[in-house]
């Protein structure tokens, strides 16, 4: 083999390894981005369902609740008035 062929072959291997590393990094970035979007969607749905359940419970309790209370009126008028 000629030295020029060895240099070309070595450059080809280095270039191929660079493309492989770039592909792995780009795949990781895309995977993390998708996972982040999925987590944000899950958090949004959880918050939405939390307030929906809270609204449903408040609607149920307001119609059926009767508050029984006793009170006493105190007559504390001063003689100066």
C-alpha atoms as a PDB file:
ATOM      1  CA  UNK A   1       0.000   0.000   0.000  1.00  0.00           C
ATOM      2  CA  UNK A   2       1.135   3.452  -0.740  1.00  0.00           C
ATOM      3  CA  UNK A   3       1.396   6.015   2.063  1.00  0.00           C
ATOM      4  CA  UNK A   4      -1.287   8.121   0.358  1.00  0.00           C
ATOM      5  CA  UNK A   5      -3.751   5.225   0.533  1.00  0.00           C
ATOM      6  CA  UNK A   6      -3.043   4.771   4.241  1.00  0.00           C
ATOM      7  CA  UNK A   7      -3.638   8.455   4.907  1.00  0.00           C
ATOM      8  CA  UNK A   8      -6.925   8.379   2.966  1.00  0.00           C
ATOM      9  CA  UNK A   9      -8.023   5.239   4.822  1.00  0.00           C
ATOM     10  CA  UNK A  10      -7.109   6.789   8.201  1.00  0.00           C
ATOM     11  CA  UNK A  11      -8.977  10.000   7.336  1.00  0.00           C
ATOM     12  CA  UNK A  12     -11.985   7.908   6.303  1.00  0.00           C
ATOM     13  CA  UNK A  13     -11.981   6.075   9.640  1.00  0.00           C
ATOM     14  CA  UNK A  14     -11.607   9.319  11.615  1.00  0.00           C
ATOM     15  CA  UNK A  15     -14.374  10.968   9.585  1.00  0.00           C
ATOM     16  CA  UNK A  16     -16.646   7.930  10.081  1.00  0.00           C
ATOM     17  CA  UNK A  17     -16.030   7.965  13.838  1.00  0.00           C
ATOM     18  CA  UNK A  18     -16.817  11.680  13.921  1.00  0.00           C
ATOM     19  CA  UNK A  19     -20.112  11.114  12.094  1.00  0.00           C
ATOM     20  CA  UNK A  20     -20.946   8.251  14.481  1.00  0.00           C
ATOM     21  CA  UNK A  21     -20.249  10.408  17.547  1.00  0.00           C
ATOM     22  CA  UNK A  22     -22.314  13.256  16.098  1.00  0.00           C
ATOM     23  CA  UNK A  23     -25.203  10.880  15.375  1.00  0.00           C
ATOM     24  CA  UNK A  24     -25.116   9.522  18.932  1.00  0.00           C
ATOM     25  CA  UNK A  25     -25.070  13.020  20.448  1.00  0.00           C
ATOM     26  CA  UNK A  26     -27.846  14.239  18.143  1.00  0.00           C
ATOM     27  CA  UNK A  27     -29.936  11.166  18.969  1.00  0.00           C
ATOM     28  CA  UNK A  28     -29.460  11.829  22.680  1.00  0.00           C
ATOM     29  CA  UNK A  29     -30.520  15.447  22.297  1.00  0.00           C
ATOM     30  CA  UNK A  30     -33.626  14.455  20.354  1.00  0.00           C
ATOM     31  CA  UNK A  31     -34.468  11.726  22.895  1.00  0.00           C
ATOM     32  CA  UNK A  32     -34.073  14.090  25.855  1.00  0.00           C
ATOM     33  CA  UNK A  33     -36.159  16.747  24.072  1.00  0.00           C
ATOM     34  CA  UNK A  34     -38.983  14.287  23.422  1.00  0.00           C
ATOM     35  CA  UNK A  35     -38.807  12.996  26.986  1.00  0.00           C
ATOM     36  CA  UNK A  36     -38.972  16.576  28.277  1.00  0.00           C
ATOM     37  CA  UNK A  37     -42.025  17.357  26.153  1.00  0.00           C
ATOM     38  CA  UNK A  38     -43.734  14.173  27.364  1.00  0.00           C
ATOM     39  CA  UNK A  39     -42.982  15.062  30.991  1.00  0.00           C
ATOM     40  CA  UNK A  40     -44.377  18.585  30.486  1.00  0.00           C
ATOM     41  CA  UNK A  41     -47.544  17.144  28.927  1.00  0.00           C
ATOM     42  CA  UNK A  42     -47.928  14.744  31.860  1.00  0.00           C
ATOM     43  CA  UNK A  43     -47.496  17.572  34.377  1.00  0.00           C
ATOM     44  CA  UNK A  44     -50.035  19.698  32.506  1.00  0.00           C
ATOM     45  CA  UNK A  45     -52.578  16.875  32.428  1.00  0.00           C
ATOM     46  CA  UNK A  46     -52.027  16.179  36.131  1.00  0.00           C
ATOM     47  CA  UNK A  47     -52.605  19.832  37.057  1.00  0.00           C
ATOM     48  CA  UNK A  48     -55.673  19.962  34.820  1.00  0.00           C
ATOM     49  CA  UNK A  49     -57.151  16.817  36.375  1.00  0.00           C
ATOM     50  CA  UNK A  50     -56.328  18.097  39.873  1.00  0.00           C
ATOM     51  CA  UNK A  51     -58.364  21.262  39.359  1.00  0.00           C
ATOM     52  CA  UNK A  52     -61.116  19.332  37.560  1.00  0.00           C
ATOM     53  CA  UNK A  53     -61.458  16.913  40.496  1.00  0.00           C
ATOM     54  CA  UNK A  54     -61.340  19.824  42.910  1.00  0.00           C
ATOM     55  CA  UNK A  55     -64.170  21.549  41.030  1.00  0.00           C
ATOM     56  CA  UNK A  56     -66.250  18.363  40.973  1.00  0.00           C
ATOM     57  CA  UNK A  57     -65.861  17.871  44.734  1.00  0.00           C
ATOM     58  CA  UNK A  58     -66.778  21.479  45.487  1.00  0.00           C
ATOM     59  CA  UNK A  59     -69.924  21.229  43.329  1.00  0.00           C
ATOM     60  CA  UNK A  60     -71.069  18.070  45.118  1.00  0.00           C
ATOM     61  CA  UNK A  61     -70.570  19.385  48.625  1.00  0.00           C
ATOM     62  CA  UNK A  62     -72.224  22.770  48.123  1.00  0.00           C
ATOM     63  CA  UNK A  63     -75.702  21.396  47.354  1.00  0.00           C
ATOM     64  CA  UNK A  64     -75.941  18.779  50.106  1.00  0.00           C
ATOM     65  CA  UNK A  65     -74.335  20.667  52.991  1.00  0.00           C
ATOM     66  CA  UNK A  66     -76.507  22.175  55.694  1.00  0.00           C
ATOM     67  CA  UNK A  67     -74.759  24.259  58.296  1.00  0.00           C
ATOM     68  CA  UNK A  68     -76.463  24.246  61.684  1.00  0.00           C
ATOM     69  CA  UNK A  69     -75.386  27.054  63.977  1.00  0.00           C
ATOM     70  CA  UNK A  70     -76.513  28.730  67.157  1.00  0.00           C
ATOM     71  CA  UNK A  71     -75.783  32.308  68.046  1.00  0.00           C
ATOM     72  CA  UNK A  72     -76.377  34.688  70.922  1.00  0.00           C
ATOM     73  CA  UNK A  73     -76.866  38.424  70.572  1.00  0.00           C
ATOM     74  CA  UNK A  74     -75.105  40.357  73.268  1.00  0.00           C
ATOM     75  CA  UNK A  75     -76.480  43.744  74.195  1.00  0.00           C
ATOM     76  CA  UNK A  76     -73.438  45.670  75.331  1.00  0.00           C
ATOM     77  CA  UNK A  77     -74.638  49.196  74.803  1.00  0.00           C
ATOM     78  CA  UNK A  78     -72.969  51.833  76.914  1.00  0.00           C
ATOM     79  CA  UNK A  79     -75.139  54.228  78.863  1.00  0.00           C
ATOM     80  CA  UNK A  80     -73.279  57.123  77.189  1.00  0.00           C
ATOM     81  CA  UNK A  81     -74.850  56.431  73.780  1.00  0.00           C
END
